[in-house]
Amino acid sequence: MSHDFPQRVSELLCSRLCHDLISPTAAVSNGLELLEDESGGIDEGVMSLLSFSIKQAAARLMFFRIAYGLGGENADALSLKETSDLVDGIIEDDKINANLPSSDEPLGRIGVKVYLNLAFLALETLPNRGNLAIEIQKSDAIIITAIASGAGTGLRPEVAEALKPEIEIDSLTARSVQGYFTAWLCKSAGGKLIVTETPDSVSLNVELPL
């Protein structure tokens, strides 16, 4: 896995980001069309759909802004709780049970980016429902562990391939690029992503130097 960042990976990440934003933005568009068709009053169901979809799109934009981008000047000062709130914003509460750190301690820009990407990769191992737990240990190093569990939890074969150091960039897809990017990010930060799979459970662990 090259330490340099290939252009194809940037393109695939953009494709992935757009794919994840299409659903809520399309729902907003559909909701607005329904409102235009209403001859009398505003349908509460349509308004509920609009509200949910707008919040979902905004939450995903805030998440990706920091996970993939610079994230603004305040990214360095984000606390564990604020970082957890970004993850919580993209989780469907009725499907995923999340146990996330909630302290006011800052993690630093790189630590925040690694946390978000580990969490996102862990969420991708869940079929539809399940559990996500993030554990943070900080002493001489920062140890971040994301654990996904539940029936059917596991890495997709193409994502498992994307985590390998010898992966060919041309073989990556918009579905597998998150694995490559997360492993690359961990390596760039001076750590190594370690993946442990057991039946119905995936653990993603990285130790970062302070």
Protein backbone atom coordinates (compact mmCIF):
# COMPACT_ATOMS: atom_id res chain seq x y z
CA MET A 1 0.00 0.00 0.00
CA SER A 2 1.68 3.17 -1.23
CA HIS A 3 2.31 6.02 1.21
CA ASP A 4 1.44 8.43 -1.61
CA PHE A 5 -2.21 9.19 -2.21
CA PRO A 6 -3.30 8.07 -5.70
CA GLN A 7 -5.63 10.23 -7.77
CA ARG A 8 -7.93 7.24 -8.37
CA VAL A 9 -8.53 6.94 -4.63
CA SER A 10 -9.57 10.61 -4.47
CA GLU A 11 -11.98 10.03 -7.34
CA LEU A 12 -13.45 6.93 -5.71
CA LEU A 13 -13.88 8.72 -2.38
CA CYS A 14 -15.76 11.51 -4.17
CA SER A 15 -17.95 8.89 -5.84
CA ARG A 16 -18.62 7.26 -2.50
CA LEU A 17 -19.44 10.58 -0.83
CA CYS A 18 -21.87 11.51 -3.62
CA HIS A 19 -23.49 8.07 -3.43
CA ASP A 20 -24.11 8.48 0.30
CA LEU A 21 -25.65 11.92 -0.23
CA ILE A 22 -27.92 10.96 -3.11
CA SER A 23 -30.49 9.16 -0.96
CA PRO A 24 -31.37 12.00 1.47
CA THR A 25 -31.17 14.73 -1.19
CA ALA A 26 -33.39 12.72 -3.54
CA ALA A 27 -35.86 12.28 -0.69
CA VAL A 28 -35.94 16.05 -0.18
CA SER A 29 -36.59 16.54 -3.89
CA ASN A 30 -39.40 13.99 -3.84
CA GLY A 31 -40.90 15.59 -0.73
CA LEU A 32 -40.92 19.02 -2.37
CA GLU A 33 -42.67 17.57 -5.42
CA LEU A 34 -45.31 16.05 -3.17
CA LEU A 35 -45.84 19.40 -1.46
CA GLU A 36 -46.36 21.03 -4.83
CA ASP A 37 -49.02 18.42 -5.62
CA GLU A 38 -50.90 19.05 -2.38
CA SER A 39 -54.08 20.99 -3.12
CA GLY A 40 -55.00 21.70 0.47
CA GLY A 41 -52.75 22.10 3.48
CA ILE A 42 -49.38 20.55 4.16
CA ASP A 43 -49.18 16.81 4.72
CA GLU A 44 -47.49 16.03 8.05
CA GLY A 45 -45.96 12.85 6.62
CA VAL A 46 -44.29 14.80 3.84
CA MET A 47 -42.97 17.40 6.28
CA SER A 48 -41.59 14.62 8.48
CA LEU A 49 -39.83 13.10 5.46
CA LEU A 50 -38.35 16.48 4.52
CA SER A 51 -37.14 17.17 8.05
CA PHE A 52 -35.56 13.73 8.43
CA SER A 53 -33.87 13.83 5.02
CA ILE A 54 -32.46 17.33 5.49
CA LYS A 55 -31.03 16.39 8.90
CA GLN A 56 -29.57 13.19 7.44
CA ALA A 57 -27.90 15.03 4.55
CA ALA A 58 -26.51 17.70 6.90
CA ALA A 59 -25.15 15.07 9.31
CA ARG A 60 -23.40 13.21 6.50
CA LEU A 61 -21.89 16.42 5.12
CA MET A 62 -20.54 17.36 8.56
CA PHE A 63 -19.12 13.85 9.00
CA PHE A 64 -17.41 13.67 5.59
CA ARG A 65 -16.11 17.23 5.86
CA ILE A 66 -13.82 16.14 8.69
CA ALA A 67 -13.37 12.43 7.89
CA TYR A 68 -12.17 13.14 4.34
CA GLY A 69 -11.37 16.85 4.29
CA LEU A 70 -9.68 19.50 6.39
CA GLY A 71 -12.84 20.03 8.41
CA GLY A 72 -12.29 23.65 9.25
CA GLU A 73 -10.02 25.30 11.77
CA ASN A 74 -11.77 23.76 14.77
CA ALA A 75 -11.07 20.13 13.84
CA ASP A 76 -7.98 20.08 16.07
CA ALA A 77 -10.06 21.09 19.08
CA LEU A 78 -12.90 18.59 18.65
CA SER A 79 -13.51 16.65 21.83
CA LEU A 80 -14.22 12.94 21.95
CA LYS A 81 -17.89 13.73 22.58
CA GLU A 82 -18.08 16.08 19.59
CA THR A 83 -16.40 13.46 17.41
CA SER A 84 -18.81 10.82 18.69
CA ASP A 85 -21.71 13.16 17.88
CA LEU A 86 -20.57 13.19 14.24
CA VAL A 87 -20.68 9.38 14.17
CA ASP A 88 -24.00 9.32 15.99
CA GLY A 89 -25.42 11.67 13.37
CA ILE A 90 -25.00 9.14 10.54
CA ILE A 91 -26.34 6.17 12.56
CA GLU A 92 -29.93 5.02 12.27
CA ASP A 93 -30.95 4.83 15.94
CA ASP A 94 -33.55 2.14 15.39
CA LYS A 95 -31.01 -0.19 13.76
CA ILE A 96 -27.62 0.42 15.40
CA ASN A 97 -26.87 0.37 19.10
CA ALA A 98 -23.85 2.64 19.60
CA ASN A 99 -21.54 2.88 22.60
CA LEU A 100 -19.30 5.89 21.94
CA PRO A 101 -16.82 7.91 24.04
CA SER A 102 -18.28 11.04 25.62
CA SER A 103 -15.43 12.84 27.34
CA ASP A 104 -14.44 16.46 26.69
CA GLU A 105 -10.81 15.48 25.97
CA PRO A 106 -9.52 16.58 22.54
CA LEU A 107 -8.09 13.91 20.25
CA GLY A 108 -6.27 16.09 17.71
CA ARG A 109 -6.99 16.39 13.99
CA ILE A 110 -5.37 13.10 12.92
CA GLY A 111 -6.87 11.20 15.86
CA VAL A 112 -10.32 12.55 14.98
CA LYS A 113 -9.97 11.57 11.31
CA VAL A 114 -8.79 8.07 12.23
CA TYR A 115 -11.66 7.69 14.73
CA LEU A 116 -14.27 8.73 12.15
CA ASN A 117 -12.91 6.48 9.42
CA LEU A 118 -12.55 3.48 11.72
CA ALA A 119 -16.13 3.99 12.85
CA PHE A 120 -17.37 4.32 9.27
CA LEU A 121 -15.50 1.18 8.18
CA ALA A 122 -16.87 -0.71 11.19
CA LEU A 123 -20.42 0.40 10.36
CA GLU A 124 -19.96 -1.01 6.85
CA THR A 125 -19.36 -4.48 8.29
CA LEU A 126 -22.86 -4.51 9.80
CA PRO A 127 -25.51 -6.02 7.50
CA ASN A 128 -28.46 -3.90 8.68
CA ARG A 129 -28.65 -4.07 12.44
CA GLY A 130 -26.07 -4.54 15.16
CA ASN A 131 -23.77 -2.83 17.63
CA LEU A 132 -20.92 -0.35 17.33
CA ALA A 133 -18.50 0.32 20.18
CA ILE A 134 -15.56 2.73 20.09
CA GLU A 135 -12.83 2.44 22.71
CA ILE A 136 -10.09 5.05 23.25
CA GLN A 137 -6.97 4.54 25.36
CA LYS A 138 -4.47 7.35 25.77
CA SER A 139 -1.10 7.05 27.52
CA ASP A 140 2.21 7.00 25.64
CA ALA A 141 0.14 6.53 22.47
CA ILE A 142 -3.46 6.79 21.32
CA ILE A 143 -5.12 3.42 20.84
CA ILE A 144 -8.41 3.52 18.96
CA THR A 145 -10.55 0.41 18.65
CA ALA A 146 -13.83 0.13 16.73
CA ILE A 147 -15.84 -3.03 17.33
CA ALA A 148 -18.86 -4.00 15.24
CA SER A 149 -20.95 -6.95 16.33
CA GLY A 150 -24.23 -8.63 15.54
CA ALA A 151 -25.61 -11.42 13.40
CA GLY A 152 -24.00 -11.46 9.96
CA THR A 153 -21.30 -8.91 10.79
CA GLY A 154 -18.17 -9.26 8.65
CA LEU A 155 -15.89 -7.59 6.13
CA ARG A 156 -16.99 -7.83 2.52
CA PRO A 157 -14.37 -9.78 0.50
CA GLU A 158 -13.55 -6.75 -1.68
CA VAL A 159 -13.02 -4.59 1.43
CA ALA A 160 -10.77 -7.25 3.00
CA GLU A 161 -8.71 -7.19 -0.21
CA ALA A 162 -8.52 -3.39 -0.11
CA LEU A 163 -6.87 -3.58 3.33
CA LYS A 164 -3.92 -5.60 2.01
CA PRO A 165 -0.63 -3.72 1.44
CA GLU A 166 -0.21 -5.23 -2.03
CA ILE A 167 -3.64 -4.16 -3.29
CA GLU A 168 -3.72 -2.90 -6.88
CA ILE A 169 -5.24 0.58 -6.99
CA ASP A 170 -7.06 -0.18 -10.24
CA SER A 171 -8.99 -2.97 -8.50
CA LEU A 172 -10.54 -0.61 -5.94
CA THR A 173 -14.20 0.35 -6.24
CA ALA A 174 -16.41 2.97 -4.60
CA ARG A 175 -17.57 0.20 -2.24
CA SER A 176 -14.08 -0.92 -1.19
CA VAL A 177 -12.20 2.40 -1.19
CA GLN A 178 -13.14 3.14 2.44
CA GLY A 179 -11.02 0.18 3.53
CA TYR A 180 -8.02 1.35 1.53
CA PHE A 181 -8.34 4.94 2.72
CA THR A 182 -8.67 3.95 6.39
CA ALA A 183 -5.58 1.72 6.25
CA TRP A 184 -3.67 4.43 4.35
CA LEU A 185 -4.71 7.07 6.90
CA CYS A 186 -3.56 4.90 9.81
CA LYS A 187 -0.19 4.28 8.12
CA SER A 188 0.27 7.97 7.31
CA ALA A 189 -0.38 8.79 10.97
CA GLY A 190 2.40 6.39 12.05
CA GLY A 191 0.17 3.45 12.98
CA LYS A 192 -0.98 0.18 11.49
CA LEU A 193 -4.55 -0.98 11.14
CA ILE A 194 -5.08 -4.40 12.70
CA VAL A 195 -8.28 -6.24 11.84
CA THR A 196 -9.59 -9.14 13.91
CA GLU A 197 -12.61 -11.10 12.72
CA THR A 198 -14.61 -13.63 14.71
CA PRO A 199 -18.07 -15.02 13.93
CA ASP A 200 -20.46 -12.03 13.92
CA SER A 201 -17.80 -9.57 15.09
CA VAL A 202 -15.12 -7.33 13.56
CA SER A 203 -12.53 -5.38 15.55
CA LEU A 204 -10.48 -2.56 14.00
CA ASN A 205 -7.54 -1.41 16.06
CA VAL A 206 -4.78 1.16 15.56
CA GLU A 207 -2.10 2.59 17.83
CA LEU A 208 -1.02 6.13 16.97
CA PRO A 209 2.04 7.92 18.34
CA LEU A 210 1.43 11.08 20.34
